[in-house]
Amino acid sequence: MHLRTLLISTLPPLALAHGNHGGGGGAEGGSEKPAVDSNANWMTRHMAEEHHINSFDPQSFFSLHDFDSSGSLEPTEILKLYGLFDESNAHYTPAQRDAFARQILDLIDTNRDDAISKDEFLHYILVEGKELPDLGTGPGHHGDDEYEYEIHHWEKYHDENTKLEDLTHPEDIEHFKKHEQMELEEEMRQERELKAKDKAGEGKGWVVEENIPSKFRRVDL
């Protein structure tokens, strides 16, 4: 599939209102990133930047980031929450990531089981009156490529009236290049599988004698 066709077939869904090239969607842009005070805490900035939510409570914040719905935040979920698996933070080493997770666990994990339960989280926020700290790793990008592209680029610069020829931003080009590469890799994978089947005598109706039960094989007299 050519890139032009790929662009048409993979445009993000238009369920949300979008901004425009002028840097703001106007009054109708109800789903765009909420404005937050420059002094807002990291949790507030994360919810606005990553989820476009400006009103939330600690319970909903916890549930949103309990990615496996286990009832606790494990180290990998803490790292995901802080965007440490995102390409923007690829420069951090595994040891540095572990240190970030340990920093959060040391603050909230009171029973030291290497996980933050909902009760521990709510106690930290509601009783101790604290917030999750800013680790300096950015706003916490933790969606897949499609989500990150839509919420951080498409909604800001495009809308339902966007034409194919308008998708010329570096972010647009890079995003769809990834799609094209993924499709090429899938085609190559399918081709390798087909060749392997052909080599094994499958895929073209060939009969492999070794696969025929002995009682059905022809015996040459």
C-alpha atoms as a PDB file:
ATOM      1  CA  MET A   1       0.000   0.000   0.000  1.00  0.00           C
ATOM      2  CA  HIS A   2       1.359   3.424  -0.934  1.00  0.00           C
ATOM      3  CA  LEU A   3       1.728   6.144   1.691  1.00  0.00           C
ATOM      4  CA  ARG A   4      -1.080   8.200   0.126  1.00  0.00           C
ATOM      5  CA  THR A   5      -3.553   5.338   0.522  1.00  0.00           C
ATOM      6  CA  LEU A   6      -2.177   4.609   3.971  1.00  0.00           C
ATOM      7  CA  LEU A   7      -2.800   8.177   5.085  1.00  0.00           C
ATOM      8  CA  ILE A   8      -6.443   7.972   4.093  1.00  0.00           C
ATOM      9  CA  SER A   9      -7.019   4.615   5.750  1.00  0.00           C
ATOM     10  CA  THR A  10      -5.311   5.453   9.035  1.00  0.00           C
ATOM     11  CA  LEU A  11      -6.558   8.945   9.856  1.00  0.00           C
ATOM     12  CA  PRO A  12      -7.304   9.144  13.582  1.00  0.00           C
ATOM     13  CA  PRO A  13     -10.922   8.931  14.707  1.00  0.00           C
ATOM     14  CA  LEU A  14     -12.705  12.248  14.888  1.00  0.00           C
ATOM     15  CA  ALA A  15     -14.786  11.643  17.986  1.00  0.00           C
ATOM     16  CA  LEU A  16     -13.130  14.532  19.832  1.00  0.00           C
ATOM     17  CA  ALA A  17     -13.208  18.216  19.059  1.00  0.00           C
ATOM     18  CA  HIS A  18      -9.947  19.546  17.691  1.00  0.00           C
ATOM     19  CA  GLY A  19      -7.862  22.668  17.669  1.00  0.00           C
ATOM     20  CA  ASN A  20      -6.619  24.508  14.619  1.00  0.00           C
ATOM     21  CA  HIS A  21      -3.409  25.864  13.176  1.00  0.00           C
ATOM     22  CA  GLY A  22      -3.960  29.083  15.038  1.00  0.00           C
ATOM     23  CA  GLY A  23      -3.010  27.437  18.293  1.00  0.00           C
ATOM     24  CA  GLY A  24      -6.458  27.047  19.799  1.00  0.00           C
ATOM     25  CA  GLY A  25      -9.712  25.426  18.899  1.00  0.00           C
ATOM     26  CA  GLY A  26     -11.892  28.278  20.009  1.00  0.00           C
ATOM     27  CA  ALA A  27     -15.057  27.913  22.026  1.00  0.00           C
ATOM     28  CA  GLU A  28     -16.083  24.789  20.134  1.00  0.00           C
ATOM     29  CA  GLY A  29     -12.902  22.942  21.060  1.00  0.00           C
ATOM     30  CA  GLY A  30     -14.393  21.303  24.132  1.00  0.00           C
ATOM     31  CA  SER A  31     -12.050  18.303  24.169  1.00  0.00           C
ATOM     32  CA  GLU A  32      -8.785  20.146  23.763  1.00  0.00           C
ATOM     33  CA  LYS A  33      -6.244  20.287  26.555  1.00  0.00           C
ATOM     34  CA  PRO A  34      -7.619  22.234  29.542  1.00  0.00           C
ATOM     35  CA  ALA A  35      -5.705  25.310  30.597  1.00  0.00           C
ATOM     36  CA  VAL A  36      -3.806  24.788  33.841  1.00  0.00           C
ATOM     37  CA  ASP A  37      -1.935  27.182  36.068  1.00  0.00           C
ATOM     38  CA  SER A  38       1.810  27.195  35.524  1.00  0.00           C
ATOM     39  CA  ASN A  39       2.211  26.419  39.228  1.00  0.00           C
ATOM     40  CA  ALA A  40      -0.168  23.453  39.176  1.00  0.00           C
ATOM     41  CA  ASN A  41       1.117  20.200  40.653  1.00  0.00           C
ATOM     42  CA  TRP A  42       2.367  17.388  38.416  1.00  0.00           C
ATOM     43  CA  MET A  43      -0.781  15.282  38.772  1.00  0.00           C
ATOM     44  CA  THR A  44      -2.957  18.141  37.538  1.00  0.00           C
ATOM     45  CA  ARG A  45      -0.624  18.886  34.650  1.00  0.00           C
ATOM     46  CA  HIS A  46      -0.455  15.196  33.742  1.00  0.00           C
ATOM     47  CA  MET A  47      -4.233  14.809  33.660  1.00  0.00           C
ATOM     48  CA  ALA A  48      -4.610  17.927  31.506  1.00  0.00           C
ATOM     49  CA  GLU A  49      -1.752  17.135  29.134  1.00  0.00           C
ATOM     50  CA  GLU A  50      -2.153  13.391  28.773  1.00  0.00           C
ATOM     51  CA  HIS A  51      -5.893  12.866  29.331  1.00  0.00           C
ATOM     52  CA  HIS A  52      -7.478  16.296  28.709  1.00  0.00           C
ATOM     53  CA  ILE A  53      -9.156  16.078  32.094  1.00  0.00           C
ATOM     54  CA  ASN A  54      -9.269  19.045  34.440  1.00  0.00           C
ATOM     55  CA  SER A  55     -11.487  17.631  37.193  1.00  0.00           C
ATOM     56  CA  PHE A  56     -10.666  14.377  38.945  1.00  0.00           C
ATOM     57  CA  ASP A  57     -10.409  12.850  42.393  1.00  0.00           C
ATOM     58  CA  PRO A  58      -7.686  10.594  43.848  1.00  0.00           C
ATOM     59  CA  GLN A  59      -9.826   7.476  43.415  1.00  0.00           C
ATOM     60  CA  SER A  60     -10.329   8.078  39.694  1.00  0.00           C
ATOM     61  CA  PHE A  61      -6.662   8.982  39.226  1.00  0.00           C
ATOM     62  CA  PHE A  62      -5.621   5.701  40.831  1.00  0.00           C
ATOM     63  CA  SER A  63      -8.091   3.608  38.832  1.00  0.00           C
ATOM     64  CA  LEU A  64      -7.050   5.276  35.569  1.00  0.00           C
ATOM     65  CA  HIS A  65      -3.423   4.326  36.140  1.00  0.00           C
ATOM     66  CA  ASP A  66      -3.985   0.869  37.581  1.00  0.00           C
ATOM     67  CA  PHE A  67      -3.425  -0.383  34.052  1.00  0.00           C
ATOM     68  CA  ASP A  68      -3.901  -4.076  34.813  1.00  0.00           C
ATOM     69  CA  SER A  69      -6.799  -3.487  37.246  1.00  0.00           C
ATOM     70  CA  SER A  70      -4.975  -5.431  39.959  1.00  0.00           C
ATOM     71  CA  GLY A  71      -5.855  -2.974  42.728  1.00  0.00           C
ATOM     72  CA  SER A  72      -2.275  -1.754  43.131  1.00  0.00           C
ATOM     73  CA  LEU A  73       0.378   0.170  41.243  1.00  0.00           C
ATOM     74  CA  GLU A  74       3.396  -2.021  40.600  1.00  0.00           C
ATOM     75  CA  PRO A  75       6.813  -0.595  39.620  1.00  0.00           C
ATOM     76  CA  THR A  76       6.142  -1.009  35.889  1.00  0.00           C
ATOM     77  CA  GLU A  77       2.858   0.888  36.227  1.00  0.00           C
ATOM     78  CA  ILE A  78       4.624   3.681  38.096  1.00  0.00           C
ATOM     79  CA  LEU A  79       7.152   3.914  35.276  1.00  0.00           C
ATOM     80  CA  LYS A  80       4.372   3.922  32.691  1.00  0.00           C
ATOM     81  CA  LEU A  81       2.491   6.614  34.611  1.00  0.00           C
ATOM     82  CA  TYR A  82       5.585   8.821  34.482  1.00  0.00           C
ATOM     83  CA  GLY A  83       6.126   8.155  30.777  1.00  0.00           C
ATOM     84  CA  LEU A  84       9.390   6.304  31.275  1.00  0.00           C
ATOM     85  CA  PHE A  85       8.596   3.810  28.507  1.00  0.00           C
ATOM     86  CA  ASP A  86       7.947   6.611  26.027  1.00  0.00           C
ATOM     87  CA  GLU A  87      10.491   7.384  23.312  1.00  0.00           C
ATOM     88  CA  SER A  88      11.032  10.832  24.844  1.00  0.00           C
ATOM     89  CA  ASN A  89      12.586   9.117  27.868  1.00  0.00           C
ATOM     90  CA  ALA A  90      14.518   6.412  26.024  1.00  0.00           C
ATOM     91  CA  HIS A  91      17.805   7.889  27.263  1.00  0.00           C
ATOM     92  CA  TYR A  92      17.188   6.671  30.816  1.00  0.00           C
ATOM     93  CA  THR A  93      18.944   3.435  31.693  1.00  0.00           C
ATOM     94  CA  PRO A  94      17.135   0.513  33.352  1.00  0.00           C
ATOM     95  CA  ALA A  95      18.914   1.357  36.596  1.00  0.00           C
ATOM     96  CA  GLN A  96      17.688   4.951  36.423  1.00  0.00           C
ATOM     97  CA  ARG A  97      14.144   3.788  35.763  1.00  0.00           C
ATOM     98  CA  ASP A  98      14.320   1.457  38.739  1.00  0.00           C
ATOM     99  CA  ALA A  99      15.513   4.376  40.851  1.00  0.00           C
ATOM    100  CA  PHE A 100      12.519   6.485  39.786  1.00  0.00           C
ATOM    101  CA  ALA A 101      10.101   3.700  40.692  1.00  0.00           C
ATOM    102  CA  ARG A 102      11.867   3.204  44.037  1.00  0.00           C
ATOM    103  CA  GLN A 103      11.575   6.922  44.769  1.00  0.00           C
ATOM    104  CA  ILE A 104       7.781   6.771  44.444  1.00  0.00           C
ATOM    105  CA  LEU A 105       7.500   3.487  46.338  1.00  0.00           C
ATOM    106  CA  ASP A 106       9.528   4.890  49.231  1.00  0.00           C
ATOM    107  CA  LEU A 107       7.051   7.752  49.503  1.00  0.00           C
ATOM    108  CA  ILE A 108       3.798   5.775  49.443  1.00  0.00           C
ATOM    109  CA  ASP A 109       4.379   2.035  49.872  1.00  0.00           C
ATOM    110  CA  THR A 110       4.123   1.906  53.666  1.00  0.00           C
ATOM    111  CA  ASN A 111       4.045  -1.897  54.026  1.00  0.00           C
ATOM    112  CA  ARG A 112       7.096  -2.269  51.749  1.00  0.00           C
ATOM    113  CA  ASP A 113       5.639  -4.921  49.450  1.00  0.00           C
ATOM    114  CA  ASP A 114       6.894  -3.103  46.330  1.00  0.00           C
ATOM    115  CA  ALA A 115       3.409  -2.061  45.249  1.00  0.00           C
ATOM    116  CA  ILE A 116       1.132   0.866  46.050  1.00  0.00           C
ATOM    117  CA  SER A 117      -2.318  -0.228  47.114  1.00  0.00           C
ATOM    118  CA  LYS A 118      -5.331   1.999  46.631  1.00  0.00           C
ATOM    119  CA  ASP A 119      -5.548   2.530  50.405  1.00  0.00           C
ATOM    120  CA  GLU A 120      -1.897   3.569  50.552  1.00  0.00           C
ATOM    121  CA  PHE A 121      -2.389   5.958  47.642  1.00  0.00           C
ATOM    122  CA  LEU A 122      -5.510   7.538  49.124  1.00  0.00           C
ATOM    123  CA  HIS A 123      -3.853   7.886  52.524  1.00  0.00           C
ATOM    124  CA  TYR A 124      -0.882   9.635  50.925  1.00  0.00           C
ATOM    125  CA  ILE A 125      -3.121  12.048  49.014  1.00  0.00           C
ATOM    126  CA  LEU A 126      -6.086  12.591  51.329  1.00  0.00           C
ATOM    127  CA  VAL A 127      -4.673  12.110  54.813  1.00  0.00           C
ATOM    128  CA  GLU A 128      -1.091  13.273  54.382  1.00  0.00           C
ATOM    129  CA  GLY A 129      -2.198  15.947  51.930  1.00  0.00           C
ATOM    130  CA  LYS A 130       0.585  15.242  49.460  1.00  0.00           C
ATOM    131  CA  GLU A 131       0.808  14.926  45.679  1.00  0.00           C
ATOM    132  CA  LEU A 132       2.838  12.782  43.326  1.00  0.00           C
ATOM    133  CA  PRO A 133       6.141  14.589  42.746  1.00  0.00           C
ATOM    134  CA  ASP A 134       7.451  15.857  39.430  1.00  0.00           C
ATOM    135  CA  LEU A 135      10.386  13.584  38.559  1.00  0.00           C
ATOM    136  CA  GLY A 136      11.491  15.785  35.689  1.00  0.00           C
ATOM    137  CA  THR A 137      10.565  13.152  33.089  1.00  0.00           C
ATOM    138  CA  GLY A 138       7.907  15.198  31.331  1.00  0.00           C
ATOM    139  CA  PRO A 139       4.111  15.107  31.538  1.00  0.00           C
ATOM    140  CA  GLY A 140       3.916  11.313  31.523  1.00  0.00           C
ATOM    141  CA  HIS A 141       3.189  10.149  27.986  1.00  0.00           C
ATOM    142  CA  HIS A 142       1.930   6.599  28.386  1.00  0.00           C
ATOM    143  CA  GLY A 143      -0.441   5.969  25.480  1.00  0.00           C
ATOM    144  CA  ASP A 144       0.363   3.985  22.351  1.00  0.00           C
ATOM    145  CA  ASP A 145       1.575   5.735  19.206  1.00  0.00           C
ATOM    146  CA  GLU A 146      -1.943   6.327  17.899  1.00  0.00           C
ATOM    147  CA  TYR A 147      -3.135   7.877  21.142  1.00  0.00           C
ATOM    148  CA  GLU A 148      -0.078  10.103  21.551  1.00  0.00           C
ATOM    149  CA  TYR A 149      -0.294  11.308  17.950  1.00  0.00           C
ATOM    150  CA  GLU A 150      -3.984  12.125  18.241  1.00  0.00           C
ATOM    151  CA  ILE A 151      -3.969  13.831  21.612  1.00  0.00           C
ATOM    152  CA  HIS A 152      -0.709  15.750  21.254  1.00  0.00           C
ATOM    153  CA  HIS A 153      -0.699  16.618  17.554  1.00  0.00           C
ATOM    154  CA  TRP A 154      -3.896  15.849  15.625  1.00  0.00           C
ATOM    155  CA  GLU A 155      -6.166  17.627  18.095  1.00  0.00           C
ATOM    156  CA  LYS A 156      -3.892  20.661  18.120  1.00  0.00           C
ATOM    157  CA  TYR A 157      -3.448  21.176  14.394  1.00  0.00           C
ATOM    158  CA  HIS A 158      -6.127  19.238  12.502  1.00  0.00           C
ATOM    159  CA  ASP A 159      -9.881  18.670  12.477  1.00  0.00           C
ATOM    160  CA  GLU A 160     -12.563  16.835  10.516  1.00  0.00           C
ATOM    161  CA  ASN A 161     -11.983  19.185   7.576  1.00  0.00           C
ATOM    162  CA  THR A 162      -8.305  18.309   7.261  1.00  0.00           C
ATOM    163  CA  LYS A 163      -7.325  17.224   3.758  1.00  0.00           C
ATOM    164  CA  LEU A 164      -4.619  14.773   2.824  1.00  0.00           C
ATOM    165  CA  GLU A 165      -2.420  17.540   1.467  1.00  0.00           C
ATOM    166  CA  ASP A 166      -2.607  19.327   4.836  1.00  0.00           C
ATOM    167  CA  LEU A 167      -0.779  16.502   6.611  1.00  0.00           C
ATOM    168  CA  THR A 168       2.658  17.987   6.061  1.00  0.00           C
ATOM    169  CA  HIS A 169       3.883  18.584   9.601  1.00  0.00           C
ATOM    170  CA  PRO A 170       7.009  16.653  10.603  1.00  0.00           C
ATOM    171  CA  GLU A 171       4.855  14.820  13.169  1.00  0.00           C
ATOM    172  CA  ASP A 172       2.396  13.771  10.443  1.00  0.00           C
ATOM    173  CA  ILE A 173       5.126  12.517   8.144  1.00  0.00           C
ATOM    174  CA  GLU A 174       6.891  10.594  10.903  1.00  0.00           C
ATOM    175  CA  HIS A 175       3.654   9.071  12.162  1.00  0.00           C
ATOM    176  CA  PHE A 176       2.593   7.716   8.806  1.00  0.00           C
ATOM    177  CA  LYS A 177       6.098   6.596   7.926  1.00  0.00           C
ATOM    178  CA  LYS A 178       5.837   4.339  10.972  1.00  0.00           C
ATOM    179  CA  HIS A 179       2.547   2.991   9.646  1.00  0.00           C
ATOM    180  CA  GLU A 180       4.088   2.320   6.253  1.00  0.00           C
ATOM    181  CA  GLN A 181       7.067   0.578   7.855  1.00  0.00           C
ATOM    182  CA  MET A 182       4.783  -1.567   9.999  1.00  0.00           C
ATOM    183  CA  GLU A 183       2.769  -2.596   6.946  1.00  0.00           C
ATOM    184  CA  LEU A 184       5.936  -3.393   4.986  1.00  0.00           C
ATOM    185  CA  GLU A 185       7.209  -5.548   7.849  1.00  0.00           C
ATOM    186  CA  GLU A 186       3.866  -7.379   7.988  1.00  0.00           C
ATOM    187  CA  GLU A 187       3.968  -8.036   4.224  1.00  0.00           C
ATOM    188  CA  MET A 188       7.517  -9.369   4.541  1.00  0.00           C
ATOM    189  CA  ARG A 189       6.463 -11.599   7.425  1.00  0.00           C
ATOM    190  CA  GLN A 190       3.584 -13.034   5.417  1.00  0.00           C
ATOM    191  CA  GLU A 191       5.895 -13.591   2.450  1.00  0.00           C
ATOM    192  CA  ARG A 192       8.386 -15.451   4.655  1.00  0.00           C
ATOM    193  CA  GLU A 193       5.594 -17.652   6.003  1.00  0.00           C
ATOM    194  CA  LEU A 194       4.376 -18.422   2.482  1.00  0.00           C
ATOM    195  CA  LYS A 195       7.877 -19.350   1.337  1.00  0.00           C
ATOM    196  CA  ALA A 196       8.310 -21.575   4.379  1.00  0.00           C
ATOM    197  CA  LYS A 197       5.028 -23.358   3.584  1.00  0.00           C
ATOM    198  CA  ASP A 198       6.041 -23.776  -0.045  1.00  0.00           C
ATOM    199  CA  LYS A 199       9.372 -25.227   1.025  1.00  0.00           C
ATOM    200  CA  ALA A 200       7.582 -27.673   3.303  1.00  0.00           C
ATOM    201  CA  GLY A 201       5.250 -28.663   0.479  1.00  0.00           C
ATOM    202  CA  GLU A 202       2.297 -26.694   1.810  1.00  0.00           C
ATOM    203  CA  GLY A 203       0.349 -23.870   0.269  1.00  0.00           C
ATOM    204  CA  LYS A 204       0.214 -25.127  -3.343  1.00  0.00           C
ATOM    205  CA  GLY A 205      -1.640 -28.368  -2.855  1.00  0.00           C
ATOM    206  CA  TRP A 206       1.549 -30.412  -2.963  1.00  0.00           C
ATOM    207  CA  VAL A 207       1.548 -33.845  -1.356  1.00  0.00           C
ATOM    208  CA  VAL A 208       4.495 -34.729   0.803  1.00  0.00           C
ATOM    209  CA  GLU A 209       4.905 -38.478   0.779  1.00  0.00           C
ATOM    210  CA  GLU A 210       6.364 -38.576   4.268  1.00  0.00           C
ATOM    211  CA  ASN A 211       3.107 -37.111   5.598  1.00  0.00           C
ATOM    212  CA  ILE A 212       0.950 -39.898   4.090  1.00  0.00           C
ATOM    213  CA  PRO A 213       0.115 -42.760   6.470  1.00  0.00           C
ATOM    214  CA  SER A 214       1.944 -45.881   5.333  1.00  0.00           C
ATOM    215  CA  LYS A 215      -1.248 -47.859   4.677  1.00  0.00           C
ATOM    216  CA  PHE A 216      -2.295 -45.329   2.046  1.00  0.00           C
ATOM    217  CA  ARG A 217       1.024 -45.099   0.235  1.00  0.00           C
ATOM    218  CA  ARG A 218       1.322 -46.667  -3.202  1.00  0.00           C
ATOM    219  CA  VAL A 219       3.556 -49.679  -3.250  1.00  0.00           C
ATOM    220  CA  ASP A 220       5.537 -50.122  -6.454  1.00  0.00           C
ATOM    221  CA  LEU A 221       5.736 -53.774  -7.437  1.00  0.00           C
END
